[in-house]
Amino acid sequence: MSMRSLMAFLVTLVLIRVAGIRTFGKRSAFDNVVTIMLGAILSRIVVGASPVLPTIAASAVLVLIHRLLGRIAYQHSAFSKLLKSEAVCLFRDGAPLHDNMKQTAISLHDMEEAVRTQLHQDNFEGVKEMYIERTGSISIITT
C-alpha cells in the first residue's frame, strides 16, 4: 500500500502539471469537479481497488478533457459562460439587488461578512458594487 501511495502521489503531481495551475487555484465549479474526480479515481490505486495502468489512463483522460474544455472556453466566451458561469452583481447604487441575491442564494448577511472581511467596516458606506464571482467569492468595488 505504501508503494501504491507513492506511485499515486507521483502520478498526481504529473497530472497536476498537465492540467495547469488554474485547476487547483481558481476553484470554479468546473475546476472543483476535476479535483474531486481526480482524487476519487487516483485513490483507487492506493487501496488497490483498480488496476494501476487503467486508473492512470482514466485520470489522464479526465485531465485532458478538462484542459481541452478550458481552451475552448478561452476561445469562445459563450461556451465559457455555459461552462463556468459569470459574475452576478449583488449590490449597486447603495442598494442590494434582491432578485440577483435570490438567484445566487447570497444573503444580506453574506454580503455584510464580505464587507467586514475585505473593507474592515460594518456597513455598506463607500461600496459602489458587489459581485459574486464565478469562483463563489464576493468582490467589492468601492467609490
Protein backbone atom coordinates (compact mmCIF):
# COMPACT_ATOMS: atom_id res chain seq x y z
CA MET A 1 0.00 0.00 0.00
CA SER A 2 2.90 2.38 0.72
CA MET A 3 4.35 1.81 -2.73
CA ARG A 4 0.94 2.35 -4.34
CA SER A 5 0.60 5.59 -2.36
CA LEU A 6 3.96 6.78 -3.59
CA MET A 7 3.04 5.89 -7.17
CA ALA A 8 -0.33 7.67 -6.89
CA PHE A 9 1.40 10.74 -5.45
CA LEU A 10 3.90 10.92 -8.32
CA VAL A 11 1.22 10.37 -10.94
CA THR A 12 -0.90 13.08 -9.34
CA LEU A 13 2.00 15.56 -9.49
CA VAL A 14 2.47 14.86 -13.19
CA LEU A 15 -1.26 15.19 -13.90
CA ILE A 16 -1.45 18.47 -11.98
CA ARG A 17 1.36 19.84 -14.15
CA VAL A 18 -0.51 18.73 -17.28
CA ALA A 19 -3.82 20.13 -16.02
CA GLY A 20 -2.28 23.52 -15.31
CA ILE A 21 -2.12 25.65 -12.22
CA ARG A 22 -5.59 27.14 -12.64
CA THR A 23 -7.20 23.78 -11.91
CA PHE A 24 -6.19 23.98 -8.29
CA GLY A 25 -6.07 27.77 -7.96
CA LYS A 26 -9.29 29.35 -9.17
CA ARG A 27 -11.69 26.84 -7.72
CA SER A 28 -14.62 27.36 -10.06
CA ALA A 29 -17.25 24.60 -10.15
CA PHE A 30 -15.61 23.43 -13.38
CA ASP A 31 -12.25 23.07 -11.61
CA ASN A 32 -13.73 21.53 -8.46
CA VAL A 33 -15.35 18.73 -10.44
CA VAL A 34 -11.98 17.74 -11.87
CA THR A 35 -10.27 17.97 -8.48
CA ILE A 36 -12.84 15.75 -6.77
CA MET A 37 -13.00 13.23 -9.59
CA LEU A 38 -9.23 13.04 -9.91
CA GLY A 39 -8.89 12.34 -6.19
CA ALA A 40 -11.61 9.70 -6.31
CA ILE A 41 -10.08 7.94 -9.30
CA LEU A 42 -6.49 8.00 -8.06
CA SER A 43 -7.48 6.83 -4.59
CA ARG A 44 -8.40 3.51 -6.21
CA ILE A 45 -4.68 2.94 -6.86
CA VAL A 46 -3.81 3.43 -3.20
CA VAL A 47 -6.35 0.94 -1.90
CA GLY A 48 -5.77 -1.50 -4.74
CA ALA A 49 -9.40 -1.37 -5.87
CA SER A 50 -8.47 -0.96 -9.54
CA PRO A 51 -5.52 -1.90 -11.74
CA VAL A 52 -2.84 0.80 -11.83
CA LEU A 53 -2.45 1.46 -15.56
CA PRO A 54 -6.17 1.73 -16.43
CA THR A 55 -6.64 4.02 -13.42
CA ILE A 56 -3.79 6.26 -14.55
CA ALA A 57 -5.23 6.28 -18.07
CA ALA A 58 -8.67 7.28 -16.78
CA SER A 59 -7.10 10.09 -14.75
CA ALA A 60 -5.13 11.31 -17.76
CA VAL A 61 -8.28 11.35 -19.91
CA LEU A 62 -10.07 13.39 -17.24
CA VAL A 63 -7.22 15.92 -17.09
CA LEU A 64 -7.00 16.18 -20.88
CA ILE A 65 -10.76 16.73 -21.18
CA HIS A 66 -10.50 19.48 -18.55
CA ARG A 67 -7.64 21.09 -20.44
CA LEU A 68 -9.49 20.87 -23.77
CA LEU A 69 -12.69 22.35 -22.36
CA GLY A 70 -10.66 25.13 -20.73
CA ARG A 71 -9.09 26.03 -24.06
CA ILE A 72 -12.45 26.02 -25.83
CA ALA A 73 -13.85 28.25 -23.07
CA TYR A 74 -10.91 30.61 -23.52
CA GLN A 75 -11.61 30.94 -27.24
CA HIS A 76 -15.41 31.14 -27.07
CA SER A 77 -16.97 33.39 -24.45
CA ALA A 78 -20.45 31.88 -24.87
CA PHE A 79 -19.06 28.42 -24.06
CA SER A 80 -17.14 29.90 -21.12
CA LYS A 81 -20.36 31.35 -19.68
CA LEU A 82 -22.08 27.99 -20.09
CA LEU A 83 -19.21 26.03 -18.56
CA LYS A 84 -18.04 28.39 -15.84
CA SER A 85 -20.95 30.79 -15.31
CA GLU A 86 -20.34 34.54 -14.95
CA ALA A 87 -20.19 37.16 -12.24
CA VAL A 88 -23.52 38.42 -10.90
CA CYS A 89 -23.99 41.88 -9.41
CA LEU A 90 -25.43 41.76 -5.88
CA PHE A 91 -25.28 45.42 -4.86
CA ARG A 92 -25.36 48.64 -6.90
CA ASP A 93 -26.01 52.31 -6.22
CA GLY A 94 -26.36 51.88 -2.47
CA ALA A 95 -28.89 49.06 -2.58
CA PRO A 96 -28.86 45.27 -2.63
CA LEU A 97 -30.23 43.64 -5.78
CA HIS A 98 -32.64 41.19 -4.17
CA ASP A 99 -33.52 39.26 -7.34
CA ASN A 100 -29.83 38.55 -8.02
CA MET A 101 -29.27 37.67 -4.35
CA LYS A 102 -32.13 35.19 -4.51
CA GLN A 103 -30.85 33.71 -7.78
CA THR A 104 -27.38 33.12 -6.32
CA ALA A 105 -28.55 32.22 -2.78
CA ILE A 106 -26.44 35.01 -1.25
CA SER A 107 -27.97 36.61 1.81
CA LEU A 108 -27.51 40.11 3.13
CA HIS A 109 -25.52 38.53 5.98
CA ASP A 110 -23.10 37.01 3.43
CA MET A 111 -22.61 40.43 1.88
CA GLU A 112 -22.11 42.07 5.28
CA GLU A 113 -19.47 39.46 6.08
CA ALA A 114 -17.65 40.29 2.83
CA VAL A 115 -17.69 43.99 3.74
CA ARG A 116 -16.32 43.24 7.21
CA THR A 117 -13.54 40.96 5.98
CA GLN A 118 -12.48 42.95 2.92
CA LEU A 119 -13.14 46.56 3.92
CA HIS A 120 -12.90 46.20 7.71
CA GLN A 121 -16.13 48.08 8.29
CA ASP A 122 -19.62 47.13 9.43
CA ASN A 123 -21.74 48.99 6.87
CA PHE A 124 -22.06 49.46 3.13
CA GLU A 125 -20.74 53.02 3.18
CA GLY A 126 -18.43 53.61 0.24
CA VAL A 127 -19.50 50.40 -1.52
CA LYS A 128 -20.29 51.06 -5.17
CA GLU A 129 -20.90 47.49 -6.34
CA MET A 130 -20.62 43.92 -5.08
CA TYR A 131 -20.40 40.80 -7.22
CA ILE A 132 -20.45 37.10 -6.66
CA GLU A 133 -17.66 35.88 -8.89
CA ARG A 134 -17.55 32.65 -10.88
CA THR A 135 -15.49 31.10 -8.09
CA GLY A 136 -18.17 31.87 -5.49
CA SER A 137 -16.19 34.63 -3.79
CA ILE A 138 -17.69 38.06 -3.27
CA SER A 139 -15.80 41.04 -4.64
CA ILE A 140 -16.38 44.66 -3.69
CA ILE A 141 -15.86 47.80 -5.71
CA THR A 142 -15.63 50.97 -3.65
CA THR A 143 -16.24 54.57 -4.67
